[in-house]
């Protein structure tokens, strides 16, 4: 289980975040995993995960917290912007999310939605 969690933390959860983040730019990708053509890098540091549970007759929503830093790709030591995302819930109170990956992945989708909404409001992209 720990091995799967570490793999999800490095691959699955970033995909949840990126896919949802990109949905806010009308299907034009603004983020990707390799960032080969990017000028900026978004670094997500997960600071808290409550995985929740769903056993059919009882459930608890997952929740995560993370710090997001945006740095220039050519100078990653210089932080251009920093965001703290707290209490990012995932899943649903009423069903779905039977797997750990889907429940916690929802936390990353929620965080991406909040961050992309902020950027759109501020007209930063």
N, C-alpha and C. Protein backbone atom coordinates (compact mmCIF):
# COMPACT_ATOMS: atom_id res chain seq x y z
N UNK A 1 0.81 -1.19 0.00
CA UNK A 1 0.00 0.00 0.00
C UNK A 1 0.86 1.26 0.00
N UNK A 2 1.93 1.29 0.80
CA UNK A 2 2.81 2.45 0.86
C UNK A 2 3.50 2.67 -0.48
N UNK A 3 3.90 1.58 -1.12
CA UNK A 3 4.54 1.67 -2.43
C UNK A 3 3.59 2.28 -3.47
N UNK A 4 2.32 1.85 -3.46
CA UNK A 4 1.32 2.41 -4.37
C UNK A 4 1.08 3.89 -4.08
N UNK A 5 1.02 4.25 -2.79
CA UNK A 5 0.80 5.65 -2.42
C UNK A 5 1.93 6.53 -2.95
N UNK A 6 3.17 6.10 -2.78
CA UNK A 6 4.31 6.88 -3.25
C UNK A 6 4.28 7.03 -4.77
N UNK A 7 3.89 5.98 -5.47
CA UNK A 7 3.78 6.05 -6.93
C UNK A 7 2.67 7.02 -7.33
N UNK A 8 1.53 6.96 -6.64
CA UNK A 8 0.42 7.88 -6.93
C UNK A 8 0.82 9.32 -6.66
N UNK A 9 1.58 9.56 -5.60
CA UNK A 9 2.00 10.90 -5.23
C UNK A 9 2.87 11.50 -6.34
N UNK A 10 3.66 10.66 -6.98
CA UNK A 10 4.56 11.15 -8.04
C UNK A 10 3.92 11.20 -9.42
N UNK A 11 2.92 10.37 -9.68
CA UNK A 11 2.38 10.30 -11.04
C UNK A 11 0.88 10.56 -11.12
N UNK A 12 0.07 9.83 -10.40
CA UNK A 12 -1.39 9.94 -10.53
C UNK A 12 -1.90 11.29 -10.04
N UNK A 13 -1.49 11.73 -8.86
CA UNK A 13 -2.02 12.96 -8.31
C UNK A 13 -1.63 14.19 -9.14
N UNK A 14 -0.38 14.29 -9.63
CA UNK A 14 -0.09 15.41 -10.54
C UNK A 14 -0.97 15.40 -11.79
N UNK A 15 -1.30 14.21 -12.30
CA UNK A 15 -2.17 14.13 -13.48
C UNK A 15 -3.58 14.65 -13.15
N UNK A 16 -4.10 14.28 -11.99
CA UNK A 16 -5.41 14.79 -11.57
C UNK A 16 -5.36 16.33 -11.56
N UNK A 17 -4.32 16.88 -10.97
CA UNK A 17 -4.18 18.34 -10.86
C UNK A 17 -4.08 18.98 -12.25
N UNK A 18 -3.20 18.48 -13.08
CA UNK A 18 -2.97 19.06 -14.40
C UNK A 18 -4.20 18.96 -15.29
N UNK A 19 -4.84 17.82 -15.30
CA UNK A 19 -6.04 17.66 -16.14
C UNK A 19 -7.13 18.65 -15.75
N UNK A 20 -7.36 18.83 -14.47
CA UNK A 20 -8.39 19.77 -14.04
C UNK A 20 -7.95 21.21 -14.29
N UNK A 21 -6.70 21.51 -14.03
CA UNK A 21 -6.19 22.86 -14.25
C UNK A 21 -6.36 23.26 -15.72
N UNK A 22 -6.04 22.35 -16.62
CA UNK A 22 -6.13 22.63 -18.05
C UNK A 22 -7.57 22.80 -18.53
N UNK A 23 -8.53 22.20 -17.85
CA UNK A 23 -9.93 22.34 -18.24
C UNK A 23 -10.38 23.81 -18.15
N UNK A 24 -9.73 24.57 -17.32
CA UNK A 24 -10.11 25.97 -17.15
C UNK A 24 -9.58 26.88 -18.25
N UNK A 25 -8.74 26.37 -19.10
CA UNK A 25 -8.21 27.18 -20.21
C UNK A 25 -8.83 26.72 -21.52
N UNK A 26 -10.08 26.30 -21.47
CA UNK A 26 -10.85 25.88 -22.64
C UNK A 26 -10.08 24.87 -23.51
N UNK A 27 -9.59 23.84 -22.85
CA UNK A 27 -8.95 22.70 -23.51
C UNK A 27 -7.65 23.05 -24.24
N UNK A 28 -7.05 24.18 -23.92
CA UNK A 28 -5.71 24.48 -24.42
C UNK A 28 -4.76 24.21 -23.26
N UNK A 29 -3.86 23.29 -23.43
CA UNK A 29 -2.99 22.89 -22.33
C UNK A 29 -2.11 24.05 -21.88
N UNK A 30 -2.16 24.33 -20.60
CA UNK A 30 -1.27 25.33 -20.03
C UNK A 30 -0.30 24.68 -19.05
N UNK A 31 -0.52 23.42 -18.75
CA UNK A 31 0.34 22.70 -17.82
C UNK A 31 0.54 21.28 -18.34
N UNK A 32 1.73 20.75 -18.14
CA UNK A 32 1.97 19.35 -18.47
C UNK A 32 3.04 18.81 -17.52
N UNK A 33 3.21 17.52 -17.55
CA UNK A 33 4.14 16.90 -16.59
C UNK A 33 5.60 17.14 -16.92
N UNK A 34 5.97 17.11 -18.19
CA UNK A 34 7.39 17.25 -18.48
C UNK A 34 7.84 18.70 -18.62
N UNK A 35 6.95 19.61 -19.02
CA UNK A 35 7.28 21.02 -19.09
C UNK A 35 8.40 21.37 -20.04
N UNK A 36 8.60 20.56 -21.09
CA UNK A 36 9.71 20.77 -22.01
C UNK A 36 9.70 22.15 -22.65
N UNK A 37 8.53 22.66 -22.99
CA UNK A 37 8.44 23.96 -23.66
C UNK A 37 7.98 25.08 -22.74
N UNK A 38 7.99 24.85 -21.46
CA UNK A 38 7.46 25.82 -20.50
C UNK A 38 8.51 26.84 -20.08
N UNK A 39 8.04 28.04 -19.78
CA UNK A 39 8.91 29.07 -19.21
C UNK A 39 8.90 29.02 -17.68
N UNK A 40 7.81 28.44 -17.13
CA UNK A 40 7.63 28.40 -15.69
C UNK A 40 7.35 26.97 -15.22
N UNK A 41 7.68 26.72 -13.97
CA UNK A 41 7.43 25.42 -13.35
C UNK A 41 6.55 25.64 -12.12
N UNK A 42 5.54 24.80 -11.98
CA UNK A 42 4.67 24.83 -10.81
C UNK A 42 5.10 23.67 -9.90
N UNK A 43 5.53 23.99 -8.71
CA UNK A 43 5.97 22.98 -7.75
C UNK A 43 4.90 22.83 -6.68
N UNK A 44 4.39 21.62 -6.55
CA UNK A 44 3.34 21.35 -5.57
C UNK A 44 3.92 20.50 -4.45
N UNK A 45 3.88 21.04 -3.25
CA UNK A 45 4.36 20.34 -2.07
C UNK A 45 3.17 20.00 -1.19
N UNK A 46 2.83 18.73 -1.13
CA UNK A 46 1.71 18.28 -0.31
C UNK A 46 2.12 18.32 1.15
N UNK A 47 1.35 19.04 1.96
CA UNK A 47 1.70 19.18 3.38
C UNK A 47 0.80 18.36 4.30
N UNK A 48 -0.36 17.91 3.77
CA UNK A 48 -1.30 17.15 4.60
C UNK A 48 -2.22 16.34 3.71
N UNK A 49 -2.47 15.09 4.08
CA UNK A 49 -3.47 14.26 3.41
C UNK A 49 -4.25 13.49 4.46
N UNK A 50 -5.56 13.64 4.42
CA UNK A 50 -6.49 12.79 5.17
C UNK A 50 -7.21 11.99 4.10
N UNK A 51 -6.94 10.69 3.97
CA UNK A 51 -7.46 9.93 2.84
C UNK A 51 -8.96 9.68 2.84
N UNK A 52 -9.62 9.86 3.98
CA UNK A 52 -11.05 9.57 4.04
C UNK A 52 -11.30 8.09 3.81
N UNK A 53 -12.58 7.74 3.67
CA UNK A 53 -12.94 6.35 3.39
C UNK A 53 -14.35 6.31 2.84
N UNK A 54 -14.67 5.21 2.20
CA UNK A 54 -16.03 4.98 1.73
C UNK A 54 -16.26 3.47 1.76
N UNK A 55 -17.11 3.05 2.68
CA UNK A 55 -17.41 1.62 2.82
C UNK A 55 -18.87 1.32 2.53
N UNK A 56 -19.50 2.19 1.74
CA UNK A 56 -20.89 1.95 1.35
C UNK A 56 -21.89 2.57 2.30
N UNK A 57 -21.90 2.09 3.54
CA UNK A 57 -22.88 2.61 4.50
C UNK A 57 -22.33 3.77 5.31
N UNK A 58 -21.05 4.01 5.21
CA UNK A 58 -20.41 5.11 5.93
C UNK A 58 -19.27 5.66 5.10
N UNK A 59 -19.07 6.98 5.17
CA UNK A 59 -17.96 7.57 4.43
C UNK A 59 -17.47 8.83 5.11
N UNK A 60 -16.25 9.19 4.81
CA UNK A 60 -15.65 10.43 5.27
C UNK A 60 -14.89 11.01 4.10
N UNK A 61 -15.12 12.28 3.80
CA UNK A 61 -14.45 12.91 2.66
C UNK A 61 -12.96 13.04 2.92
N UNK A 62 -12.16 12.87 1.88
CA UNK A 62 -10.73 13.10 2.00
C UNK A 62 -10.45 14.60 2.00
N UNK A 63 -9.28 14.95 2.44
CA UNK A 63 -8.88 16.36 2.46
C UNK A 63 -7.38 16.43 2.33
N UNK A 64 -6.90 17.46 1.64
CA UNK A 64 -5.46 17.65 1.49
C UNK A 64 -5.13 19.14 1.60
N UNK A 65 -3.89 19.41 1.91
CA UNK A 65 -3.37 20.77 1.93
C UNK A 65 -2.05 20.75 1.17
N UNK A 66 -1.77 21.83 0.49
CA UNK A 66 -0.54 21.89 -0.29
C UNK A 66 -0.06 23.31 -0.48
N UNK A 67 1.23 23.46 -0.68
CA UNK A 67 1.84 24.72 -1.05
C UNK A 67 2.19 24.62 -2.53
N UNK A 68 1.87 25.67 -3.27
CA UNK A 68 2.18 25.70 -4.70
C UNK A 68 3.11 26.88 -4.94
N UNK A 69 4.26 26.60 -5.54
CA UNK A 69 5.21 27.65 -5.90
C UNK A 69 5.35 27.68 -7.40
N UNK A 70 5.45 28.87 -7.95
CA UNK A 70 5.70 29.03 -9.38
C UNK A 70 7.07 29.67 -9.51
N UNK A 71 7.93 28.98 -10.27
CA UNK A 71 9.31 29.44 -10.45
C UNK A 71 9.62 29.52 -11.94
N UNK A 72 10.61 30.33 -12.28
CA UNK A 72 11.08 30.38 -13.66
C UNK A 72 11.85 29.10 -13.93
N UNK A 73 11.62 28.50 -15.08
CA UNK A 73 12.27 27.23 -15.39
C UNK A 73 13.80 27.37 -15.40
N UNK A 74 14.29 28.50 -15.88
CA UNK A 74 15.74 28.69 -15.97
C UNK A 74 16.36 29.17 -14.65
N UNK A 75 15.53 29.50 -13.65
CA UNK A 75 16.03 29.91 -12.35
C UNK A 75 15.09 29.41 -11.25
N UNK A 76 15.11 28.10 -10.98
CA UNK A 76 14.15 27.50 -10.05
C UNK A 76 14.30 27.95 -8.59
N UNK A 77 15.41 28.62 -8.26
CA UNK A 77 15.58 29.11 -6.89
C UNK A 77 14.79 30.39 -6.63
N UNK A 78 14.40 31.07 -7.70
CA UNK A 78 13.65 32.31 -7.56
C UNK A 78 12.15 32.02 -7.64
N UNK A 79 11.46 32.15 -6.51
CA UNK A 79 10.03 31.91 -6.45
C UNK A 79 9.30 33.16 -6.92
N UNK A 80 8.50 33.02 -7.99
CA UNK A 80 7.77 34.15 -8.55
C UNK A 80 6.41 34.34 -7.86
N UNK A 81 5.82 33.25 -7.41
CA UNK A 81 4.54 33.31 -6.70
C UNK A 81 4.41 32.08 -5.83
N UNK A 82 3.72 32.26 -4.71
CA UNK A 82 3.52 31.14 -3.80
C UNK A 82 2.08 31.18 -3.30
N UNK A 83 1.45 30.00 -3.28
CA UNK A 83 0.06 29.88 -2.85
C UNK A 83 -0.04 28.77 -1.82
N UNK A 84 -0.88 28.97 -0.83
CA UNK A 84 -1.15 27.94 0.16
C UNK A 84 -2.60 27.51 -0.03
N UNK A 85 -2.80 26.24 -0.30
CA UNK A 85 -4.15 25.70 -0.47
C UNK A 85 -4.43 24.82 0.73
N UNK A 86 -5.41 25.23 1.51
CA UNK A 86 -5.75 24.48 2.72
C UNK A 86 -7.14 23.87 2.56
N UNK A 87 -7.36 22.79 3.23
CA UNK A 87 -8.68 22.14 3.26
C UNK A 87 -9.25 21.94 1.86
N UNK A 88 -8.51 21.27 1.03
CA UNK A 88 -8.98 20.95 -0.32
C UNK A 88 -9.66 19.58 -0.27
N UNK A 89 -11.00 19.56 -0.25
CA UNK A 89 -11.69 18.28 -0.14
C UNK A 89 -11.72 17.53 -1.46
N UNK A 90 -11.85 16.26 -1.38
CA UNK A 90 -11.98 15.43 -2.58
C UNK A 90 -13.20 14.56 -2.46
N UNK A 91 -13.50 13.86 -3.52
CA UNK A 91 -14.61 12.93 -3.50
C UNK A 91 -15.94 13.60 -3.29
N UNK A 92 -16.89 12.85 -2.83
CA UNK A 92 -18.26 13.31 -2.62
C UNK A 92 -18.76 12.75 -1.31
N UNK A 93 -19.62 13.48 -0.67
CA UNK A 93 -20.21 12.97 0.57
C UNK A 93 -21.14 11.79 0.33
N UNK A 94 -21.67 11.69 -0.90
CA UNK A 94 -22.68 10.69 -1.19
C UNK A 94 -22.21 9.74 -2.29
N UNK A 95 -21.34 8.83 -1.95
CA UNK A 95 -20.92 7.81 -2.91
C UNK A 95 -19.65 8.17 -3.65
N UNK A 96 -19.29 7.31 -4.56
CA UNK A 96 -18.07 7.36 -5.37
C UNK A 96 -16.83 7.41 -4.49
N UNK A 97 -15.70 7.32 -5.10
CA UNK A 97 -14.47 7.39 -4.36
C UNK A 97 -14.18 6.17 -3.50
N UNK A 98 -14.37 5.00 -4.07
CA UNK A 98 -14.09 3.80 -3.29
C UNK A 98 -12.60 3.50 -3.23
N UNK A 99 -11.84 4.00 -4.19
CA UNK A 99 -10.40 3.74 -4.16
C UNK A 99 -9.68 4.94 -3.57
N UNK A 100 -8.58 4.66 -2.93
CA UNK A 100 -7.76 5.70 -2.33
C UNK A 100 -7.34 6.72 -3.38
N UNK A 101 -6.89 6.22 -4.53
CA UNK A 101 -6.39 7.10 -5.60
C UNK A 101 -7.48 8.07 -6.06
N UNK A 102 -8.70 7.61 -6.26
CA UNK A 102 -9.79 8.48 -6.70
C UNK A 102 -10.19 9.49 -5.63
N UNK A 103 -10.25 9.03 -4.38
CA UNK A 103 -10.64 9.94 -3.30
C UNK A 103 -9.63 11.08 -3.16
N UNK A 104 -8.36 10.73 -3.02
CA UNK A 104 -7.33 11.75 -2.82
C UNK A 104 -7.09 12.53 -4.12
N UNK A 105 -7.23 11.87 -5.26
CA UNK A 105 -7.11 12.57 -6.54
C UNK A 105 -8.10 13.72 -6.64
N UNK A 106 -9.27 13.53 -6.06
CA UNK A 106 -10.27 14.59 -6.03
C UNK A 106 -9.79 15.82 -5.27
N UNK A 107 -8.95 15.63 -4.27
CA UNK A 107 -8.38 16.76 -3.53
C UNK A 107 -7.50 17.60 -4.45
N UNK A 108 -6.74 16.93 -5.31
CA UNK A 108 -5.87 17.64 -6.25
C UNK A 108 -6.68 18.33 -7.34
N UNK A 109 -7.78 17.70 -7.75
CA UNK A 109 -8.67 18.35 -8.72
C UNK A 109 -9.28 19.62 -8.11
N UNK A 110 -9.70 19.53 -6.87
CA UNK A 110 -10.27 20.69 -6.19
C UNK A 110 -9.23 21.81 -6.08
N UNK A 111 -8.01 21.46 -5.70
CA UNK A 111 -6.94 22.47 -5.58
C UNK A 111 -6.66 23.12 -6.93
N UNK A 112 -6.63 22.33 -8.00
CA UNK A 112 -6.40 22.87 -9.34
C UNK A 112 -7.52 23.82 -9.75
N UNK A 113 -8.74 23.45 -9.43
CA UNK A 113 -9.90 24.30 -9.73
C UNK A 113 -9.77 25.64 -9.03
N UNK A 114 -9.41 25.60 -7.77
CA UNK A 114 -9.27 26.84 -7.00
C UNK A 114 -8.15 27.72 -7.54
N UNK A 115 -7.02 27.12 -7.88
CA UNK A 115 -5.88 27.89 -8.38
C UNK A 115 -6.17 28.45 -9.77
N UNK A 116 -6.72 27.63 -10.66
CA UNK A 116 -7.04 28.09 -12.02
C UNK A 116 -8.09 29.20 -11.96
N UNK A 117 -9.08 29.07 -11.10
CA UNK A 117 -10.10 30.11 -10.95
C UNK A 117 -9.47 31.42 -10.51
N UNK A 118 -8.53 31.34 -9.60
CA UNK A 118 -7.82 32.54 -9.13
C UNK A 118 -7.08 33.20 -10.30
N UNK A 119 -6.36 32.39 -11.07
CA UNK A 119 -5.61 32.93 -12.21
C UNK A 119 -6.55 33.57 -13.24
N UNK A 120 -7.68 32.94 -13.50
CA UNK A 120 -8.64 33.49 -14.45
C UNK A 120 -9.21 34.81 -13.95
N UNK A 121 -9.51 34.87 -12.67
CA UNK A 121 -10.04 36.11 -12.09
C UNK A 121 -9.04 37.25 -12.22
N UNK A 122 -7.77 36.91 -12.01
CA UNK A 122 -6.71 37.93 -12.06
C UNK A 122 -6.20 38.15 -13.49
N UNK A 123 -6.75 37.38 -14.45
CA UNK A 123 -6.38 37.47 -15.87
C UNK A 123 -4.87 37.30 -16.07
N UNK A 124 -4.34 36.27 -15.43
CA UNK A 124 -2.91 36.02 -15.54
C UNK A 124 -2.54 35.10 -16.68
N UNK A 125 -3.53 34.44 -17.29
CA UNK A 125 -3.24 33.63 -18.47
C UNK A 125 -4.45 33.57 -19.36
